């Protein structure tokens, strides 16, 4: 069962502005990646469920976080069916992220008061997600739609909170374009936790990159007066 409430997860997403995304089948390596993100200031991480026995890795990773990383909120992404969502919530997932809008997953997450963030690609999908209780919409794939799409959505719906994933990097120009458009937070995967970093096991570099990215996001949120 989730340790952190839906409101705690939402507030953490708003305050930090960054959700690192990664998957790896090696539990020990995953723990090192998680700790580097934590030491860099991240307080959320989306474990993407993309491999065989991924739930076993997440289970051990979440136990590790609960014991050694106070305040670290773990969730699961790439969830495509109700059974998987239910399984991960049984293992303590604090939020569920889906690549598409699924009403059945929305209902099961709402039943347990667990934050869910569906992938949406149109204003109609976003409105439908919000009617189902979604607080923070995932814009996916973000690189296809871009910051101008976010700006257009925020015109008629300034209350909508958006988290783009895919097409987001740690570069200032990229992040500035997203936050200037009005996003609440961003999800960054391989542009933050690269294959090269994993192969070299340069966790100090990852920690520094996470820290500098969070500091840049805070600066941008202040510059553009973003409260959400």
C-alpha atoms as a PDB file:
ATOM      1  CA  UNK A   1       0.000   0.000   0.000  1.00  0.00           C
ATOM      2  CA  UNK A   2       1.177   3.528  -0.805  1.00  0.00           C
ATOM      3  CA  UNK A   3       2.985   5.339   1.991  1.00  0.00           C
ATOM      4  CA  UNK A   4       2.423   8.802   0.560  1.00  0.00           C
ATOM      5  CA  UNK A   5      -0.983  10.322  -0.070  1.00  0.00           C
ATOM      6  CA  UNK A   6      -2.110  11.614  -3.435  1.00  0.00           C
ATOM      7  CA  UNK A   7      -1.782  15.193  -2.168  1.00  0.00           C
ATOM      8  CA  UNK A   8       1.767  14.583  -0.948  1.00  0.00           C
ATOM      9  CA  UNK A   9       2.749  13.212  -4.342  1.00  0.00           C
ATOM     10  CA  UNK A  10       1.146  16.140  -6.191  1.00  0.00           C
ATOM     11  CA  UNK A  11       2.843  18.715  -3.965  1.00  0.00           C
ATOM     12  CA  UNK A  12       6.217  17.034  -4.388  1.00  0.00           C
ATOM     13  CA  UNK A  13       5.815  17.039  -8.166  1.00  0.00           C
ATOM     14  CA  UNK A  14       4.963  20.742  -8.033  1.00  0.00           C
ATOM     15  CA  UNK A  15       7.786  21.644  -5.650  1.00  0.00           C
ATOM     16  CA  UNK A  16      10.646  19.733  -7.293  1.00  0.00           C
ATOM     17  CA  UNK A  17       9.458  19.988 -10.882  1.00  0.00           C
ATOM     18  CA  UNK A  18      11.395  16.866 -11.902  1.00  0.00           C
ATOM     19  CA  UNK A  19      10.445  13.202 -12.149  1.00  0.00           C
ATOM     20  CA  UNK A  20      13.376  10.988 -13.232  1.00  0.00           C
ATOM     21  CA  UNK A  21      12.365   7.911 -15.240  1.00  0.00           C
ATOM     22  CA  UNK A  22      14.340   4.713 -15.614  1.00  0.00           C
ATOM     23  CA  UNK A  23      14.249   0.942 -15.817  1.00  0.00           C
ATOM     24  CA  UNK A  24      16.971  -1.608 -15.252  1.00  0.00           C
ATOM     25  CA  UNK A  25      16.737  -5.277 -14.452  1.00  0.00           C
ATOM     26  CA  UNK A  26      19.723  -5.212 -12.068  1.00  0.00           C
ATOM     27  CA  UNK A  27      18.440  -4.416  -8.582  1.00  0.00           C
ATOM     28  CA  UNK A  28      21.816  -3.382  -7.155  1.00  0.00           C
ATOM     29  CA  UNK A  29      22.460  -1.024 -10.035  1.00  0.00           C
ATOM     30  CA  UNK A  30      18.933   0.317  -9.692  1.00  0.00           C
ATOM     31  CA  UNK A  31      19.550   1.084  -6.024  1.00  0.00           C
ATOM     32  CA  UNK A  32      22.666   3.064  -6.907  1.00  0.00           C
ATOM     33  CA  UNK A  33      20.783   5.051  -9.543  1.00  0.00           C
ATOM     34  CA  UNK A  34      17.968   5.742  -7.100  1.00  0.00           C
ATOM     35  CA  UNK A  35      20.371   6.908  -4.399  1.00  0.00           C
ATOM     36  CA  UNK A  36      22.228   9.193  -6.810  1.00  0.00           C
ATOM     37  CA  UNK A  37      18.923  10.810  -7.809  1.00  0.00           C
ATOM     38  CA  UNK A  38      17.977  11.151  -4.129  1.00  0.00           C
ATOM     39  CA  UNK A  39      21.334  12.666  -3.173  1.00  0.00           C
ATOM     40  CA  UNK A  40      20.908  15.101  -6.049  1.00  0.00           C
ATOM     41  CA  UNK A  41      17.641  16.335  -4.543  1.00  0.00           C
ATOM     42  CA  UNK A  42      15.024  14.326  -6.426  1.00  0.00           C
ATOM     43  CA  UNK A  43      12.158  13.182  -4.237  1.00  0.00           C
ATOM     44  CA  UNK A  44      10.220  11.282  -6.885  1.00  0.00           C
ATOM     45  CA  UNK A  45      11.174   8.555  -9.308  1.00  0.00           C
ATOM     46  CA  UNK A  46       9.133   6.729 -11.918  1.00  0.00           C
ATOM     47  CA  UNK A  47      10.236   3.125 -12.387  1.00  0.00           C
ATOM     48  CA  UNK A  48       9.155   2.201 -15.906  1.00  0.00           C
ATOM     49  CA  UNK A  49       7.700  -1.304 -16.075  1.00  0.00           C
ATOM     50  CA  UNK A  50       9.280  -2.510 -19.280  1.00  0.00           C
ATOM     51  CA  UNK A  51      10.937  -5.852 -18.617  1.00  0.00           C
ATOM     52  CA  UNK A  52      10.245  -9.376 -17.420  1.00  0.00           C
ATOM     53  CA  UNK A  53       9.954  -9.583 -13.627  1.00  0.00           C
ATOM     54  CA  UNK A  54      10.019  -5.778 -13.407  1.00  0.00           C
ATOM     55  CA  UNK A  55       7.633  -5.932 -10.451  1.00  0.00           C
ATOM     56  CA  UNK A  56      10.227  -7.906  -8.471  1.00  0.00           C
ATOM     57  CA  UNK A  57      12.837  -5.222  -9.076  1.00  0.00           C
ATOM     58  CA  UNK A  58      10.384  -2.507  -8.058  1.00  0.00           C
ATOM     59  CA  UNK A  59       9.455  -4.359  -4.895  1.00  0.00           C
ATOM     60  CA  UNK A  60      13.072  -4.488  -3.727  1.00  0.00           C
ATOM     61  CA  UNK A  61      13.712  -0.923  -4.847  1.00  0.00           C
ATOM     62  CA  UNK A  62      10.737   0.386  -2.903  1.00  0.00           C
ATOM     63  CA  UNK A  63      11.784  -1.522   0.224  1.00  0.00           C
ATOM     64  CA  UNK A  64      15.224   0.025  -0.105  1.00  0.00           C
ATOM     65  CA  UNK A  65      13.765   3.523  -0.443  1.00  0.00           C
ATOM     66  CA  UNK A  66      11.491   3.080   2.564  1.00  0.00           C
ATOM     67  CA  UNK A  67      14.396   1.936   4.732  1.00  0.00           C
ATOM     68  CA  UNK A  68      17.240   4.137   3.532  1.00  0.00           C
ATOM     69  CA  UNK A  69      15.849   7.154   1.631  1.00  0.00           C
ATOM     70  CA  UNK A  70      13.314   9.049   3.759  1.00  0.00           C
ATOM     71  CA  UNK A  71      10.911  11.115   1.717  1.00  0.00           C
ATOM     72  CA  UNK A  72      11.663   9.382  -1.579  1.00  0.00           C
ATOM     73  CA  UNK A  73       8.431   8.685  -3.457  1.00  0.00           C
ATOM     74  CA  UNK A  74       8.472   5.798  -5.914  1.00  0.00           C
ATOM     75  CA  UNK A  75       5.868   5.233  -8.591  1.00  0.00           C
ATOM     76  CA  UNK A  76       5.540   3.067 -11.673  1.00  0.00           C
ATOM     77  CA  UNK A  77       5.197   4.043 -15.311  1.00  0.00           C
ATOM     78  CA  UNK A  78       4.386   2.279 -18.589  1.00  0.00           C
ATOM     79  CA  UNK A  79       1.442   0.586 -16.870  1.00  0.00           C
ATOM     80  CA  UNK A  80      -0.971  -0.642 -19.540  1.00  0.00           C
ATOM     81  CA  UNK A  81      -3.587  -2.738 -17.731  1.00  0.00           C
ATOM     82  CA  UNK A  82      -5.575  -2.919 -14.506  1.00  0.00           C
ATOM     83  CA  UNK A  83      -3.861  -6.087 -13.300  1.00  0.00           C
ATOM     84  CA  UNK A  84      -0.436  -4.462 -13.453  1.00  0.00           C
ATOM     85  CA  UNK A  85      -1.684  -1.315 -11.730  1.00  0.00           C
ATOM     86  CA  UNK A  86      -3.208  -3.374  -8.928  1.00  0.00           C
ATOM     87  CA  UNK A  87      -0.033  -5.444  -8.535  1.00  0.00           C
ATOM     88  CA  UNK A  88       2.202  -2.394  -8.264  1.00  0.00           C
ATOM     89  CA  UNK A  89      -0.097  -0.728  -5.767  1.00  0.00           C
ATOM     90  CA  UNK A  90       0.071  -3.902  -3.671  1.00  0.00           C
ATOM     91  CA  UNK A  91       3.859  -3.471  -3.779  1.00  0.00           C
ATOM     92  CA  UNK A  92       3.575   0.096  -2.500  1.00  0.00           C
ATOM     93  CA  UNK A  93       3.578   2.219  -5.665  1.00  0.00           C
ATOM     94  CA  UNK A  94       2.745   5.792  -4.707  1.00  0.00           C
ATOM     95  CA  UNK A  95       1.650   6.822  -8.197  1.00  0.00           C
ATOM     96  CA  UNK A  96       0.783   5.126 -11.466  1.00  0.00           C
ATOM     97  CA  UNK A  97       1.646   6.530 -14.896  1.00  0.00           C
ATOM     98  CA  UNK A  98       0.092   5.165 -18.071  1.00  0.00           C
ATOM     99  CA  UNK A  99       1.020   5.814 -21.723  1.00  0.00           C
ATOM    100  CA  UNK A 100      -2.653   6.208 -22.669  1.00  0.00           C
ATOM    101  CA  UNK A 101      -5.915   7.236 -21.035  1.00  0.00           C
ATOM    102  CA  UNK A 102      -7.538   4.197 -19.406  1.00  0.00           C
ATOM    103  CA  UNK A 103     -10.755   4.671 -17.471  1.00  0.00           C
ATOM    104  CA  UNK A 104     -10.463   1.266 -15.798  1.00  0.00           C
ATOM    105  CA  UNK A 105      -7.023   2.122 -14.411  1.00  0.00           C
ATOM    106  CA  UNK A 106      -8.337   5.502 -13.260  1.00  0.00           C
ATOM    107  CA  UNK A 107     -11.086   3.827 -11.255  1.00  0.00           C
ATOM    108  CA  UNK A 108      -8.824   1.322  -9.503  1.00  0.00           C
ATOM    109  CA  UNK A 109      -6.299   4.032  -8.585  1.00  0.00           C
ATOM    110  CA  UNK A 110      -9.033   6.369  -7.349  1.00  0.00           C
ATOM    111  CA  UNK A 111     -10.431   3.569  -5.231  1.00  0.00           C
ATOM    112  CA  UNK A 112      -7.120   3.408  -3.359  1.00  0.00           C
ATOM    113  CA  UNK A 113      -6.551   7.200  -3.460  1.00  0.00           C
ATOM    114  CA  UNK A 114      -3.367   6.699  -5.480  1.00  0.00           C
ATOM    115  CA  UNK A 115      -2.301   9.410  -7.911  1.00  0.00           C
ATOM    116  CA  UNK A 116      -2.529   8.340 -11.552  1.00  0.00           C
ATOM    117  CA  UNK A 117      -1.241  10.268 -14.539  1.00  0.00           C
ATOM    118  CA  UNK A 118      -2.447   9.154 -17.987  1.00  0.00           C
ATOM    119  CA  UNK A 119      -0.728   9.892 -21.275  1.00  0.00           C
ATOM    120  CA  UNK A 120      -2.886  12.308 -23.281  1.00  0.00           C
ATOM    121  CA  UNK A 121      -2.450  13.856 -26.705  1.00  0.00           C
ATOM    122  CA  UNK A 122      -5.491  16.073 -27.210  1.00  0.00           C
ATOM    123  CA  UNK A 123      -7.532  18.619 -25.307  1.00  0.00           C
ATOM    124  CA  UNK A 124     -10.464  16.199 -25.343  1.00  0.00           C
ATOM    125  CA  UNK A 125      -8.378  13.442 -23.739  1.00  0.00           C
ATOM    126  CA  UNK A 126      -7.085  15.890 -21.144  1.00  0.00           C
ATOM    127  CA  UNK A 127     -10.623  17.017 -20.294  1.00  0.00           C
ATOM    128  CA  UNK A 128     -11.780  13.401 -20.042  1.00  0.00           C
ATOM    129  CA  UNK A 129      -8.865  12.562 -17.756  1.00  0.00           C
ATOM    130  CA  UNK A 130      -9.699  15.481 -15.479  1.00  0.00           C
ATOM    131  CA  UNK A 131     -13.341  14.418 -15.342  1.00  0.00           C
ATOM    132  CA  UNK A 132     -12.063  11.052 -14.096  1.00  0.00           C
ATOM    133  CA  UNK A 133     -10.133  12.780 -11.299  1.00  0.00           C
ATOM    134  CA  UNK A 134      -6.703  13.243 -12.862  1.00  0.00           C
ATOM    135  CA  UNK A 135      -4.655  15.983 -11.190  1.00  0.00           C
ATOM    136  CA  UNK A 136      -1.507  16.004 -13.334  1.00  0.00           C
ATOM    137  CA  UNK A 137      -1.793  14.970 -16.977  1.00  0.00           C
ATOM    138  CA  UNK A 138       1.095  13.302 -18.737  1.00  0.00           C
ATOM    139  CA  UNK A 139       1.735  14.788 -22.182  1.00  0.00           C
ATOM    140  CA  UNK A 140       3.129  11.907 -24.225  1.00  0.00           C
ATOM    141  CA  UNK A 141       5.103  11.828 -26.367  1.00  0.00           C
ATOM    142  CA  UNK A 142       6.075  15.331 -25.347  1.00  0.00           C
ATOM    143  CA  UNK A 143       8.567  15.801 -28.151  1.00  0.00           C
ATOM    144  CA  UNK A 144       5.855  15.322 -30.758  1.00  0.00           C
ATOM    145  CA  UNK A 145       3.483  17.924 -29.296  1.00  0.00           C
ATOM    146  CA  UNK A 146       5.987  20.421 -27.895  1.00  0.00           C
ATOM    147  CA  UNK A 147       5.679  23.473 -25.615  1.00  0.00           C
ATOM    148  CA  UNK A 148       3.329  25.300 -27.992  1.00  0.00           C
ATOM    149  CA  UNK A 149       0.722  22.583 -27.420  1.00  0.00           C
ATOM    150  CA  UNK A 150       0.959  23.161 -23.665  1.00  0.00           C
ATOM    151  CA  UNK A 151       0.588  26.907 -24.128  1.00  0.00           C
ATOM    152  CA  UNK A 152      -2.493  26.351 -26.270  1.00  0.00           C
ATOM    153  CA  UNK A 153      -4.089  24.059 -23.665  1.00  0.00           C
ATOM    154  CA  UNK A 154      -3.395  26.474 -20.822  1.00  0.00           C
ATOM    155  CA  UNK A 155      -5.306  29.199 -22.673  1.00  0.00           C
ATOM    156  CA  UNK A 156      -8.821  27.796 -22.195  1.00  0.00           C
ATOM    157  CA  UNK A 157      -7.815  25.582 -19.252  1.00  0.00           C
ATOM    158  CA  UNK A 158      -5.335  27.457 -17.020  1.00  0.00           C
ATOM    159  CA  UNK A 159      -6.096  25.021 -14.188  1.00  0.00           C
ATOM    160  CA  UNK A 160      -4.709  22.032 -16.099  1.00  0.00           C
ATOM    161  CA  UNK A 161      -1.427  20.695 -14.742  1.00  0.00           C
ATOM    162  CA  UNK A 162       0.789  19.030 -17.340  1.00  0.00           C
ATOM    163  CA  UNK A 163       3.889  16.824 -17.120  1.00  0.00           C
ATOM    164  CA  UNK A 164       5.553  16.222 -20.498  1.00  0.00           C
ATOM    165  CA  UNK A 165       7.697  13.120 -20.914  1.00  0.00           C
ATOM    166  CA  UNK A 166       9.604  12.196 -24.024  1.00  0.00           C
ATOM    167  CA  UNK A 167      11.386  15.054 -25.755  1.00  0.00           C
ATOM    168  CA  UNK A 168      12.522  16.629 -22.482  1.00  0.00           C
ATOM    169  CA  UNK A 169      16.223  17.090 -21.746  1.00  0.00           C
ATOM    170  CA  UNK A 170      18.353  18.739 -19.065  1.00  0.00           C
ATOM    171  CA  UNK A 171      19.482  21.545 -21.377  1.00  0.00           C
ATOM    172  CA  UNK A 172      18.492  25.070 -20.361  1.00  0.00           C
ATOM    173  CA  UNK A 173      16.921  25.929 -23.719  1.00  0.00           C
ATOM    174  CA  UNK A 174      14.745  22.820 -23.641  1.00  0.00           C
ATOM    175  CA  UNK A 175      13.599  23.221 -20.031  1.00  0.00           C
ATOM    176  CA  UNK A 176      13.001  26.941 -20.431  1.00  0.00           C
ATOM    177  CA  UNK A 177      10.705  26.329 -23.399  1.00  0.00           C
ATOM    178  CA  UNK A 178       8.653  23.818 -21.415  1.00  0.00           C
ATOM    179  CA  UNK A 179       8.330  25.835 -18.210  1.00  0.00           C
ATOM    180  CA  UNK A 180       7.710  29.070 -20.082  1.00  0.00           C
ATOM    181  CA  UNK A 181       4.746  27.300 -21.701  1.00  0.00           C
ATOM    182  CA  UNK A 182       3.335  26.544 -18.233  1.00  0.00           C
ATOM    183  CA  UNK A 183       4.130  22.913 -17.409  1.00  0.00           C
ATOM    184  CA  UNK A 184       3.935  21.846 -13.774  1.00  0.00           C
ATOM    185  CA  UNK A 185       6.817  19.392 -13.901  1.00  0.00           C
ATOM    186  CA  UNK A 186       8.760  17.306 -16.404  1.00  0.00           C
ATOM    187  CA  UNK A 187       9.618  13.633 -16.661  1.00  0.00           C
ATOM    188  CA  UNK A 188      13.115  12.921 -17.979  1.00  0.00           C
ATOM    189  CA  UNK A 189      14.411   9.464 -18.839  1.00  0.00           C
ATOM    190  CA  UNK A 190      17.447   8.696 -20.985  1.00  0.00           C
ATOM    191  CA  UNK A 191      18.404  12.361 -21.294  1.00  0.00           C
ATOM    192  CA  UNK A 192      19.025  12.294 -17.546  1.00  0.00           C
ATOM    193  CA  UNK A 193      19.930   8.663 -16.846  1.00  0.00           C
ATOM    194  CA  UNK A 194      21.760   7.758 -20.028  1.00  0.00           C
ATOM    195  CA  UNK A 195      22.976   4.356 -21.180  1.00  0.00           C
ATOM    196  CA  UNK A 196      26.520   5.723 -21.096  1.00  0.00           C
ATOM    197  CA  UNK A 197      26.152   6.754 -17.456  1.00  0.00           C
ATOM    198  CA  UNK A 198      24.745   3.345 -16.548  1.00  0.00           C
ATOM    199  CA  UNK A 199      27.569   1.550 -18.342  1.00  0.00           C
ATOM    200  CA  UNK A 200      30.264   3.706 -16.743  1.00  0.00           C
ATOM    201  CA  UNK A 201      28.474   3.693 -13.370  1.00  0.00           C
ATOM    202  CA  UNK A 202      29.294   7.361 -12.963  1.00  0.00           C
ATOM    203  CA  UNK A 203      26.794   7.964 -10.184  1.00  0.00           C
ATOM    204  CA  UNK A 204      28.546  11.108  -8.969  1.00  0.00           C
ATOM    205  CA  UNK A 205      27.901  12.682 -12.367  1.00  0.00           C
ATOM    206  CA  UNK A 206      24.245  11.635 -12.184  1.00  0.00           C
ATOM    207  CA  UNK A 207      23.903  13.186  -8.735  1.00  0.00           C
ATOM    208  CA  UNK A 208      25.380  16.469  -9.963  1.00  0.00           C
ATOM    209  CA  UNK A 209      23.185  16.477 -13.067  1.00  0.00           C
ATOM    210  CA  UNK A 210      20.027  15.901 -11.020  1.00  0.00           C
ATOM    211  CA  UNK A 211      20.996  18.679  -8.618  1.00  0.00           C
ATOM    212  CA  UNK A 212      21.765  21.189 -11.366  1.00  0.00           C
ATOM    213  CA  UNK A 213      18.552  20.290 -13.219  1.00  0.00           C
ATOM    214  CA  UNK A 214      16.389  20.812 -10.135  1.00  0.00           C
ATOM    215  CA  UNK A 215      18.102  24.137  -9.408  1.00  0.00           C
ATOM    216  CA  UNK A 216      17.510  25.258 -12.996  1.00  0.00           C
ATOM    217  CA  UNK A 217      13.842  24.275 -12.786  1.00  0.00           C
ATOM    218  CA  UNK A 218      13.437  26.264  -9.564  1.00  0.00           C
ATOM    219  CA  UNK A 219      15.007  29.270 -11.272  1.00  0.00           C
ATOM    220  CA  UNK A 220      12.678  28.935 -14.257  1.00  0.00           C
ATOM    221  CA  UNK A 221       9.590  28.552 -12.065  1.00  0.00           C
ATOM    222  CA  UNK A 222      10.552  31.774 -10.267  1.00  0.00           C
ATOM    223  CA  UNK A 223      11.260  33.587 -13.535  1.00  0.00           C
ATOM    224  CA  UNK A 224       7.892  32.674 -15.007  1.00  0.00           C
ATOM    225  CA  UNK A 225       5.994  32.908 -11.711  1.00  0.00           C
ATOM    226  CA  UNK A 226       4.806  29.311 -11.850  1.00  0.00           C
ATOM    227  CA  UNK A 227       3.029  28.084  -8.740  1.00  0.00           C
ATOM    228  CA  UNK A 228       1.842  24.882 -10.404  1.00  0.00           C
END
